[in-house]
Amino acid sequence: MITDDFDYLAPGGRSYTIASGLMARLNKRSRALEIACGRGEAACTLAGEFNCRVDAFDIDPVMVEYCREKAEKRSLVEHTNFFVRDGRDMDFG
């Protein structure tokens, strides 16, 4: 795993998340969905860097609470929403 931040649990880290947001041309009108958000770092990074709306979920309620606290500390509550959900049970249709 290549990371540049302790809270990133996925390859690439913060720099990859920002590059992806730039390629997707995220902006204040954009909405993003993060599945299996873990510690919420990617969701908070996108919301903070691009001022977009990010909905994120994870199966672990402890992690979701951690994400909510992180978003509050970073003043991102208005741009993020974290849910406890199992991605295997979601209907994305």
PDB file of N, CA and C in Angstrom:
ATOM      1  N   MET A   1       0.847  -1.175   0.000  1.00  0.00           N
ATOM      2  CA  MET A   1       0.000   0.000   0.000  1.00  0.00           C
ATOM      3  C   MET A   1       0.893   1.239   0.000  1.00  0.00           C
ATOM      4  N   ILE A   2       0.635   2.136  -0.926  1.00  0.00           N
ATOM      5  CA  ILE A   2       1.382   3.389  -0.999  1.00  0.00           C
ATOM      6  C   ILE A   2       0.484   4.477  -0.452  1.00  0.00           C
ATOM      7  N   THR A   3       0.905   5.104   0.626  1.00  0.00           N
ATOM      8  CA  THR A   3       0.087   6.174   1.204  1.00  0.00           C
ATOM      9  C   THR A   3       0.972   7.340   1.606  1.00  0.00           C
ATOM     10  N   ASP A   4       0.374   8.493   1.666  1.00  0.00           N
ATOM     11  CA  ASP A   4       1.082   9.663   2.164  1.00  0.00           C
ATOM     12  C   ASP A   4       0.350  10.257   3.365  1.00  0.00           C
ATOM     13  N   ASP A   5      -0.566   9.493   3.920  1.00  0.00           N
ATOM     14  CA  ASP A   5      -1.326   9.940   5.086  1.00  0.00           C
ATOM     15  C   ASP A   5      -1.802   8.714   5.843  1.00  0.00           C
ATOM     16  N   PHE A   6      -1.651   8.741   7.144  1.00  0.00           N
ATOM     17  CA  PHE A   6      -2.036   7.615   7.988  1.00  0.00           C
ATOM     18  C   PHE A   6      -3.490   7.203   7.786  1.00  0.00           C
ATOM     19  N   ASP A   7      -4.387   8.140   7.582  1.00  0.00           N
ATOM     20  CA  ASP A   7      -5.813   7.830   7.495  1.00  0.00           C
ATOM     21  C   ASP A   7      -6.243   7.284   6.139  1.00  0.00           C
ATOM     22  N   TYR A   8      -5.362   7.253   5.174  1.00  0.00           N
ATOM     23  CA  TYR A   8      -5.718   6.650   3.891  1.00  0.00           C
ATOM     24  C   TYR A   8      -5.498   5.163   3.968  1.00  0.00           C
ATOM     25  N   LEU A   9      -6.533   4.425   3.644  1.00  0.00           N
ATOM     26  CA  LEU A   9      -6.458   2.975   3.669  1.00  0.00           C
ATOM     27  C   LEU A   9      -6.450   2.395   2.260  1.00  0.00           C
ATOM     28  N   ALA A  10      -6.263   3.217   1.255  1.00  0.00           N
ATOM     29  CA  ALA A  10      -6.282   2.772  -0.135  1.00  0.00           C
ATOM     30  C   ALA A  10      -4.992   3.216  -0.833  1.00  0.00           C
ATOM     31  N   PRO A  11      -4.601   2.517  -1.882  1.00  0.00           N
ATOM     32  CA  PRO A  11      -3.391   2.918  -2.620  1.00  0.00           C
ATOM     33  C   PRO A  11      -3.516   4.323  -3.186  1.00  0.00           C
ATOM     34  N   GLY A  12      -2.415   5.002  -3.234  1.00  0.00           N
ATOM     35  CA  GLY A  12      -2.398   6.325  -3.854  1.00  0.00           C
ATOM     36  C   GLY A  12      -2.436   7.468  -2.869  1.00  0.00           C
ATOM     37  N   GLY A  13      -3.228   7.343  -1.842  1.00  0.00           N
ATOM     38  CA  GLY A  13      -3.298   8.391  -0.825  1.00  0.00           C
ATOM     39  C   GLY A  13      -3.933   9.681  -1.301  1.00  0.00           C
ATOM     40  N   ARG A  14      -3.649  10.737  -0.563  1.00  0.00           N
ATOM     41  CA  ARG A  14      -4.252  12.049  -0.792  1.00  0.00           C
ATOM     42  C   ARG A  14      -3.962  12.588  -2.194  1.00  0.00           C
ATOM     43  N   SER A  15      -2.730  12.441  -2.651  1.00  0.00           N
ATOM     44  CA  SER A  15      -2.372  12.993  -3.956  1.00  0.00           C
ATOM     45  C   SER A  15      -3.188  12.338  -5.077  1.00  0.00           C
ATOM     46  N   TYR A  16      -3.428  11.046  -4.983  1.00  0.00           N
ATOM     47  CA  TYR A  16      -4.232  10.356  -5.989  1.00  0.00           C
ATOM     48  C   TYR A  16      -5.687  10.814  -5.929  1.00  0.00           C
ATOM     49  N   THR A  17      -6.207  11.001  -4.724  1.00  0.00           N
ATOM     50  CA  THR A  17      -7.588  11.464  -4.566  1.00  0.00           C
ATOM     51  C   THR A  17      -7.770  12.839  -5.208  1.00  0.00           C
ATOM     52  N   ILE A  18      -6.830  13.732  -4.970  1.00  0.00           N
ATOM     53  CA  ILE A  18      -6.917  15.077  -5.554  1.00  0.00           C
ATOM     54  C   ILE A  18      -6.785  15.009  -7.072  1.00  0.00           C
ATOM     55  N   ALA A  19      -5.853  14.192  -7.560  1.00  0.00           N
ATOM     56  CA  ALA A  19      -5.698  14.047  -9.015  1.00  0.00           C
ATOM     57  C   ALA A  19      -6.978  13.508  -9.643  1.00  0.00           C
ATOM     58  N   SER A  20      -7.613  12.549  -8.977  1.00  0.00           N
ATOM     59  CA  SER A  20      -8.876  11.992  -9.484  1.00  0.00           C
ATOM     60  C   SER A  20      -9.968  13.055  -9.520  1.00  0.00           C
ATOM     61  N   GLY A  21     -10.035  13.879  -8.485  1.00  0.00           N
ATOM     62  CA  GLY A  21     -11.012  14.958  -8.455  1.00  0.00           C
ATOM     63  C   GLY A  21     -10.782  15.968  -9.565  1.00  0.00           C
ATOM     64  N   LEU A  22      -9.519  16.259  -9.849  1.00  0.00           N
ATOM     65  CA  LEU A  22      -9.192  17.175 -10.950  1.00  0.00           C
ATOM     66  C   LEU A  22      -9.603  16.575 -12.298  1.00  0.00           C
ATOM     67  N   MET A  23      -9.302  15.291 -12.480  1.00  0.00           N
ATOM     68  CA  MET A  23      -9.675  14.631 -13.745  1.00  0.00           C
ATOM     69  C   MET A  23     -11.191  14.582 -13.914  1.00  0.00           C
ATOM     70  N   ALA A  24     -11.908  14.420 -12.803  1.00  0.00           N
ATOM     71  CA  ALA A  24     -13.376  14.378 -12.861  1.00  0.00           C
ATOM     72  C   ALA A  24     -13.988  15.772 -12.930  1.00  0.00           C
ATOM     73  N   ARG A  25     -13.140  16.788 -12.815  1.00  0.00           N
ATOM     74  CA  ARG A  25     -13.581  18.194 -12.837  1.00  0.00           C
ATOM     75  C   ARG A  25     -14.606  18.487 -11.753  1.00  0.00           C
ATOM     76  N   LEU A  26     -14.337  17.987 -10.559  1.00  0.00           N
ATOM     77  CA  LEU A  26     -15.240  18.254  -9.439  1.00  0.00           C
ATOM     78  C   LEU A  26     -15.259  19.741  -9.122  1.00  0.00           C
ATOM     79  N   ASN A  27     -16.422  20.219  -8.711  1.00  0.00           N
ATOM     80  CA  ASN A  27     -16.583  21.617  -8.323  1.00  0.00           C
ATOM     81  C   ASN A  27     -17.705  21.712  -7.297  1.00  0.00           C
ATOM     82  N   LYS A  28     -18.079  22.915  -6.922  1.00  0.00           N
ATOM     83  CA  LYS A  28     -19.072  23.085  -5.857  1.00  0.00           C
ATOM     84  C   LYS A  28     -20.446  22.526  -6.216  1.00  0.00           C
ATOM     85  N   ARG A  29     -20.716  22.278  -7.481  1.00  0.00           N
ATOM     86  CA  ARG A  29     -21.996  21.688  -7.887  1.00  0.00           C
ATOM     87  C   ARG A  29     -21.933  20.164  -7.977  1.00  0.00           C
ATOM     88  N   SER A  30     -20.753  19.602  -7.801  1.00  0.00           N
ATOM     89  CA  SER A  30     -20.568  18.156  -7.951  1.00  0.00           C
ATOM     90  C   SER A  30     -21.011  17.389  -6.719  1.00  0.00           C
ATOM     91  N   ARG A  31     -21.372  16.128  -6.959  1.00  0.00           N
ATOM     92  CA  ARG A  31     -21.681  15.190  -5.876  1.00  0.00           C
ATOM     93  C   ARG A  31     -20.855  13.939  -6.096  1.00  0.00           C
ATOM     94  N   ALA A  32     -20.325  13.405  -5.007  1.00  0.00           N
ATOM     95  CA  ALA A  32     -19.520  12.187  -5.091  1.00  0.00           C
ATOM     96  C   ALA A  32     -20.043  11.182  -4.080  1.00  0.00           C
ATOM     97  N   LEU A  33     -19.853   9.912  -4.391  1.00  0.00           N
ATOM     98  CA  LEU A  33     -20.235   8.835  -3.494  1.00  0.00           C
ATOM     99  C   LEU A  33     -18.998   7.994  -3.228  1.00  0.00           C
ATOM    100  N   GLU A  34     -18.709   7.770  -1.955  1.00  0.00           N
ATOM    101  CA  GLU A  34     -17.599   6.885  -1.601  1.00  0.00           C
ATOM    102  C   GLU A  34     -18.162   5.646  -0.923  1.00  0.00           C
ATOM    103  N   ILE A  35     -17.838   4.503  -1.481  1.00  0.00           N
ATOM    104  CA  ILE A  35     -18.285   3.219  -0.960  1.00  0.00           C
ATOM    105  C   ILE A  35     -17.155   2.639  -0.120  1.00  0.00           C
ATOM    106  N   ALA A  36     -17.491   2.170   1.080  1.00  0.00           N
ATOM    107  CA  ALA A  36     -16.489   1.626   2.005  1.00  0.00           C
ATOM    108  C   ALA A  36     -15.474   2.707   2.350  1.00  0.00           C
ATOM    109  N   CYS A  37     -15.939   3.771   2.978  1.00  0.00           N
ATOM    110  CA  CYS A  37     -15.126   4.965   3.198  1.00  0.00           C
ATOM    111  C   CYS A  37     -14.048   4.824   4.267  1.00  0.00           C
ATOM    112  N   GLY A  38     -14.090   3.754   5.038  1.00  0.00           N
ATOM    113  CA  GLY A  38     -13.041   3.579   6.044  1.00  0.00           C
ATOM    114  C   GLY A  38     -12.983   4.745   7.008  1.00  0.00           C
ATOM    115  N   ARG A  39     -11.846   5.403   7.068  1.00  0.00           N
ATOM    116  CA  ARG A  39     -11.657   6.531   7.986  1.00  0.00           C
ATOM    117  C   ARG A  39     -12.125   7.864   7.412  1.00  0.00           C
ATOM    118  N   GLY A  40     -12.666   7.867   6.205  1.00  0.00           N
ATOM    119  CA  GLY A  40     -13.272   9.068   5.644  1.00  0.00           C
ATOM    120  C   GLY A  40     -12.312  10.095   5.093  1.00  0.00           C
ATOM    121  N   GLU A  41     -11.059   9.737   4.974  1.00  0.00           N
ATOM    122  CA  GLU A  41     -10.084  10.725   4.517  1.00  0.00           C
ATOM    123  C   GLU A  41     -10.321  11.148   3.074  1.00  0.00           C
ATOM    124  N   ALA A  42     -10.635  10.205   2.203  1.00  0.00           N
ATOM    125  CA  ALA A  42     -10.882  10.565   0.804  1.00  0.00           C
ATOM    126  C   ALA A  42     -12.113  11.465   0.681  1.00  0.00           C
ATOM    127  N   ALA A  43     -13.173  11.132   1.397  1.00  0.00           N
ATOM    128  CA  ALA A  43     -14.389  11.953   1.354  1.00  0.00           C
ATOM    129  C   ALA A  43     -14.106  13.370   1.846  1.00  0.00           C
ATOM    130  N   CYS A  44     -13.376  13.487   2.936  1.00  0.00           N
ATOM    131  CA  CYS A  44     -13.046  14.810   3.482  1.00  0.00           C
ATOM    132  C   CYS A  44     -12.103  15.571   2.561  1.00  0.00           C
ATOM    133  N   THR A  45     -11.181  14.855   1.930  1.00  0.00           N
ATOM    134  CA  THR A  45     -10.262  15.508   0.991  1.00  0.00           C
ATOM    135  C   THR A  45     -11.026  16.083  -0.192  1.00  0.00           C
ATOM    136  N   LEU A  46     -11.918  15.292  -0.777  1.00  0.00           N
ATOM    137  CA  LEU A  46     -12.694  15.787  -1.921  1.00  0.00           C
ATOM    138  C   LEU A  46     -13.557  16.973  -1.527  1.00  0.00           C
ATOM    139  N   ALA A  47     -14.243  16.865  -0.397  1.00  0.00           N
ATOM    140  CA  ALA A  47     -15.110  17.960   0.056  1.00  0.00           C
ATOM    141  C   ALA A  47     -14.288  19.219   0.330  1.00  0.00           C
ATOM    142  N   GLY A  48     -13.147  19.061   0.950  1.00  0.00           N
ATOM    143  CA  GLY A  48     -12.315  20.210   1.295  1.00  0.00           C
ATOM    144  C   GLY A  48     -11.641  20.846   0.098  1.00  0.00           C
ATOM    145  N   GLU A  49     -11.139  20.037  -0.810  1.00  0.00           N
ATOM    146  CA  GLU A  49     -10.406  20.555  -1.974  1.00  0.00           C
ATOM    147  C   GLU A  49     -11.321  21.134  -3.048  1.00  0.00           C
ATOM    148  N   PHE A  50     -12.482  20.526  -3.237  1.00  0.00           N
ATOM    149  CA  PHE A  50     -13.334  20.900  -4.362  1.00  0.00           C
ATOM    150  C   PHE A  50     -14.659  21.529  -3.938  1.00  0.00           C
ATOM    151  N   ASN A  51     -14.876  21.633  -2.632  1.00  0.00           N
ATOM    152  CA  ASN A  51     -16.094  22.249  -2.116  1.00  0.00           C
ATOM    153  C   ASN A  51     -17.344  21.536  -2.637  1.00  0.00           C
ATOM    154  N   CYS A  52     -17.204  20.235  -2.920  1.00  0.00           N
ATOM    155  CA  CYS A  52     -18.323  19.460  -3.453  1.00  0.00           C
ATOM    156  C   CYS A  52     -19.027  18.712  -2.328  1.00  0.00           C
ATOM    157  N   ARG A  53     -20.128  18.115  -2.651  1.00  0.00           N
ATOM    158  CA  ARG A  53     -20.916  17.319  -1.712  1.00  0.00           C
ATOM    159  C   ARG A  53     -20.464  15.865  -1.815  1.00  0.00           C
ATOM    160  N   VAL A  54     -20.145  15.234  -0.686  1.00  0.00           N
ATOM    161  CA  VAL A  54     -19.708  13.842  -0.689  1.00  0.00           C
ATOM    162  C   VAL A  54     -20.559  13.040   0.287  1.00  0.00           C
ATOM    163  N   ASP A  55     -21.222  12.031  -0.228  1.00  0.00           N
ATOM    164  CA  ASP A  55     -21.922  11.051   0.595  1.00  0.00           C
ATOM    165  C   ASP A  55     -21.027   9.824   0.639  1.00  0.00           C
ATOM    166  N   ALA A  56     -20.837   9.274   1.837  1.00  0.00           N
ATOM    167  CA  ALA A  56     -19.940   8.140   1.994  1.00  0.00           C
ATOM    168  C   ALA A  56     -20.536   7.160   2.987  1.00  0.00           C
ATOM    169  N   PHE A  57     -20.222   5.872   2.778  1.00  0.00           N
ATOM    170  CA  PHE A  57     -20.706   4.901   3.749  1.00  0.00           C
ATOM    171  C   PHE A  57     -19.692   3.807   3.991  1.00  0.00           C
ATOM    172  N   ASP A  58     -19.871   3.171   5.126  1.00  0.00           N
ATOM    173  CA  ASP A  58     -19.033   2.050   5.528  1.00  0.00           C
ATOM    174  C   ASP A  58     -19.887   1.110   6.365  1.00  0.00           C
ATOM    175  N   ILE A  59     -19.499  -0.133   6.429  1.00  0.00           N
ATOM    176  CA  ILE A  59     -20.248  -1.133   7.186  1.00  0.00           C
ATOM    177  C   ILE A  59     -19.997  -1.024   8.693  1.00  0.00           C
ATOM    178  N   ASP A  60     -18.893  -0.389   9.076  1.00  0.00           N
ATOM    179  CA  ASP A  60     -18.477  -0.320  10.479  1.00  0.00           C
ATOM    180  C   ASP A  60     -18.961   0.973  11.140  1.00  0.00           C
ATOM    181  N   PRO A  61     -19.884   0.884  12.096  1.00  0.00           N
ATOM    182  CA  PRO A  61     -20.406   2.088  12.737  1.00  0.00           C
ATOM    183  C   PRO A  61     -19.342   2.892  13.489  1.00  0.00           C
ATOM    184  N   VAL A  62     -18.329   2.217  14.002  1.00  0.00           N
ATOM    185  CA  VAL A  62     -17.243   2.935  14.703  1.00  0.00           C
ATOM    186  C   VAL A  62     -16.488   3.818  13.712  1.00  0.00           C
ATOM    187  N   MET A  63     -16.220   3.294  12.540  1.00  0.00           N
ATOM    188  CA  MET A  63     -15.517   4.078  11.523  1.00  0.00           C
ATOM    189  C   MET A  63     -16.370   5.248  11.040  1.00  0.00           C
ATOM    190  N   VAL A  64     -17.661   5.017  10.900  1.00  0.00           N
ATOM    191  CA  VAL A  64     -18.547   6.092  10.446  1.00  0.00           C
ATOM    192  C   VAL A  64     -18.569   7.222  11.470  1.00  0.00           C
ATOM    193  N   GLU A  65     -18.601   6.888  12.725  1.00  0.00           N
ATOM    194  CA  GLU A  65     -18.555   7.929  13.767  1.00  0.00           C
ATOM    195  C   GLU A  65     -17.221   8.681  13.715  1.00  0.00           C
ATOM    196  N   TYR A  66     -16.130   7.961  13.500  1.00  0.00           N
ATOM    197  CA  TYR A  66     -14.813   8.575  13.341  1.00  0.00           C
ATOM    198  C   TYR A  66     -14.837   9.570  12.180  1.00  0.00           C
ATOM    199  N   CYS A  67     -15.449   9.173  11.062  1.00  0.00           N
ATOM    200  CA  CYS A  67     -15.565  10.043   9.892  1.00  0.00           C
ATOM    201  C   CYS A  67     -16.347  11.312  10.213  1.00  0.00           C
ATOM    202  N   ARG A  68     -17.440  11.148  10.897  1.00  0.00           N
ATOM    203  CA  ARG A  68     -18.272  12.304  11.255  1.00  0.00           C
ATOM    204  C   ARG A  68     -17.508  13.284  12.137  1.00  0.00           C
ATOM    205  N   GLU A  69     -16.758  12.754  13.096  1.00  0.00           N
ATOM    206  CA  GLU A  69     -15.958  13.609  13.970  1.00  0.00           C
ATOM    207  C   GLU A  69     -14.868  14.324  13.179  1.00  0.00           C
ATOM    208  N   LYS A  70     -14.251  13.627  12.243  1.00  0.00           N
ATOM    209  CA  LYS A  70     -13.213  14.230  11.411  1.00  0.00           C
ATOM    210  C   LYS A  70     -13.801  15.372  10.580  1.00  0.00           C
ATOM    211  N   ALA A  71     -14.953  15.127   9.969  1.00  0.00           N
ATOM    212  CA  ALA A  71     -15.596  16.156   9.154  1.00  0.00           C
ATOM    213  C   ALA A  71     -15.948  17.377  10.002  1.00  0.00           C
ATOM    214  N   GLU A  72     -16.393  17.142  11.220  1.00  0.00           N
ATOM    215  CA  GLU A  72     -16.714  18.258  12.109  1.00  0.00           C
ATOM    216  C   GLU A  72     -15.459  19.059  12.455  1.00  0.00           C
ATOM    217  N   LYS A  73     -14.387  18.391  12.781  1.00  0.00           N
ATOM    218  CA  LYS A  73     -13.128  19.077  13.113  1.00  0.00           C
ATOM    219  C   LYS A  73     -12.607  19.906  11.950  1.00  0.00           C
ATOM    220  N   ARG A  74     -12.880  19.455  10.736  1.00  0.00           N
ATOM    221  CA  ARG A  74     -12.404  20.155   9.542  1.00  0.00           C
ATOM    222  C   ARG A  74     -13.436  21.108   8.949  1.00  0.00           C
ATOM    223  N   SER A  75     -14.526  21.321   9.663  1.00  0.00           N
ATOM    224  CA  SER A  75     -15.606  22.211   9.211  1.00  0.00           C
ATOM    225  C   SER A  75     -16.157  21.775   7.846  1.00  0.00           C
ATOM    226  N   LEU A  76     -16.349  20.477   7.692  1.00  0.00           N
ATOM    227  CA  LEU A  76     -16.855  19.926   6.433  1.00  0.00           C
ATOM    228  C   LEU A  76     -18.222  19.269   6.578  1.00  0.00           C
ATOM    229  N   VAL A  77     -18.878  19.505   7.687  1.00  0.00           N
ATOM    230  CA  VAL A  77     -20.165  18.852   7.944  1.00  0.00           C
ATOM    231  C   VAL A  77     -21.200  19.204   6.877  1.00  0.00           C
ATOM    232  N   GLU A  78     -21.174  20.421   6.382  1.00  0.00           N
ATOM    233  CA  GLU A  78     -22.148  20.830   5.364  1.00  0.00           C
ATOM    234  C   GLU A  78     -21.878  20.187   4.004  1.00  0.00           C
ATOM    235  N   HIS A  79     -20.688  19.640   3.823  1.00  0.00           N
ATOM    236  CA  HIS A  79     -20.316  19.058   2.537  1.00  0.00           C
ATOM    237  C   HIS A  79     -20.207  17.536   2.564  1.00  0.00           C
ATOM    238  N   THR A  80     -20.341  16.940   3.732  1.00  0.00           N
ATOM    239  CA  THR A  80     -20.200  15.483   3.844  1.00  0.00           C
ATOM    240  C   THR A  80     -21.375  14.878   4.595  1.00  0.00           C
ATOM    241  N   ASN A  81     -21.653  13.636   4.264  1.00  0.00           N
ATOM    242  CA  ASN A  81     -22.677  12.882   4.960  1.00  0.00           C
ATOM    243  C   ASN A  81     -22.201  11.440   5.017  1.00  0.00           C
ATOM    244  N   PHE A  82     -22.055  10.905   6.214  1.00  0.00           N
ATOM    245  CA  PHE A  82     -21.555   9.550   6.404  1.00  0.00           C
ATOM    246  C   PHE A  82     -22.663   8.649   6.917  1.00  0.00           C
ATOM    247  N   PHE A  83     -22.761   7.457   6.334  1.00  0.00           N
ATOM    248  CA  PHE A  83     -23.810   6.497   6.669  1.00  0.00           C
ATOM    249  C   PHE A  83     -23.203   5.151   7.036  1.00  0.00           C
ATOM    250  N   VAL A  84     -23.927   4.407   7.863  1.00  0.00           N
ATOM    251  CA  VAL A  84     -23.596   3.000   8.102  1.00  0.00           C
ATOM    252  C   VAL A  84     -24.425   2.194   7.115  1.00  0.00           C
ATOM    253  N   ARG A  85     -23.753   1.551   6.177  1.00  0.00           N
ATOM    254  CA  ARG A  85     -24.430   0.740   5.170  1.00  0.00           C
ATOM    255  C   ARG A  85     -23.501  -0.366   4.717  1.00  0.00           C
ATOM    256  N   ASP A  86     -24.082  -1.440   4.242  1.00  0.00           N
ATOM    257  CA  ASP A  86     -23.349  -2.542   3.646  1.00  0.00           C
ATOM    258  C   ASP A  86     -23.495  -2.418   2.134  1.00  0.00           C
ATOM    259  N   GLY A  87     -22.410  -2.185   1.443  1.00  0.00           N
ATOM    260  CA  GLY A  87     -22.438  -1.999   0.003  1.00  0.00           C
ATOM    261  C   GLY A  87     -23.010  -3.159  -0.769  1.00  0.00           C
ATOM    262  N   ARG A  88     -22.975  -4.339  -0.182  1.00  0.00           N
ATOM    263  CA  ARG A  88     -23.528  -5.511  -0.865  1.00  0.00           C
ATOM    264  C   ARG A  88     -25.039  -5.464  -0.911  1.00  0.00           C
ATOM    265  N   ASP A  89     -25.649  -4.651  -0.054  1.00  0.00           N
ATOM    266  CA  ASP A  89     -27.112  -4.566   0.027  1.00  0.00           C
ATOM    267  C   ASP A  89     -27.675  -3.304  -0.620  1.00  0.00           C
ATOM    268  N   MET A  90     -26.833  -2.532  -1.276  1.00  0.00           N
ATOM    269  CA  MET A  90     -27.284  -1.275  -1.845  1.00  0.00           C
ATOM    270  C   MET A  90     -27.787  -1.483  -3.278  1.00  0.00           C
ATOM    271  N   ASP A  91     -28.829  -0.758  -3.634  1.00  0.00           N
ATOM    272  CA  ASP A  91     -29.353  -0.766  -4.995  1.00  0.00           C
ATOM    273  C   ASP A  91     -28.871   0.502  -5.675  1.00  0.00           C
ATOM    274  N   PHE A  92     -27.933   0.371  -6.573  1.00  0.00           N
ATOM    275  CA  PHE A  92     -27.387   1.535  -7.258  1.00  0.00           C
ATOM    276  C   PHE A  92     -28.081   1.796  -8.589  1.00  0.00           C
ATOM    277  N   GLY A  93     -29.163   1.067  -8.852  1.00  0.00           N
ATOM    278  CA  GLY A  93     -29.880   1.194 -10.105  1.00  0.00           C
ATOM    279  C   GLY A  93     -30.477   2.536 -10.285  1.00  0.00           C
TER     280      GLY A  93
END
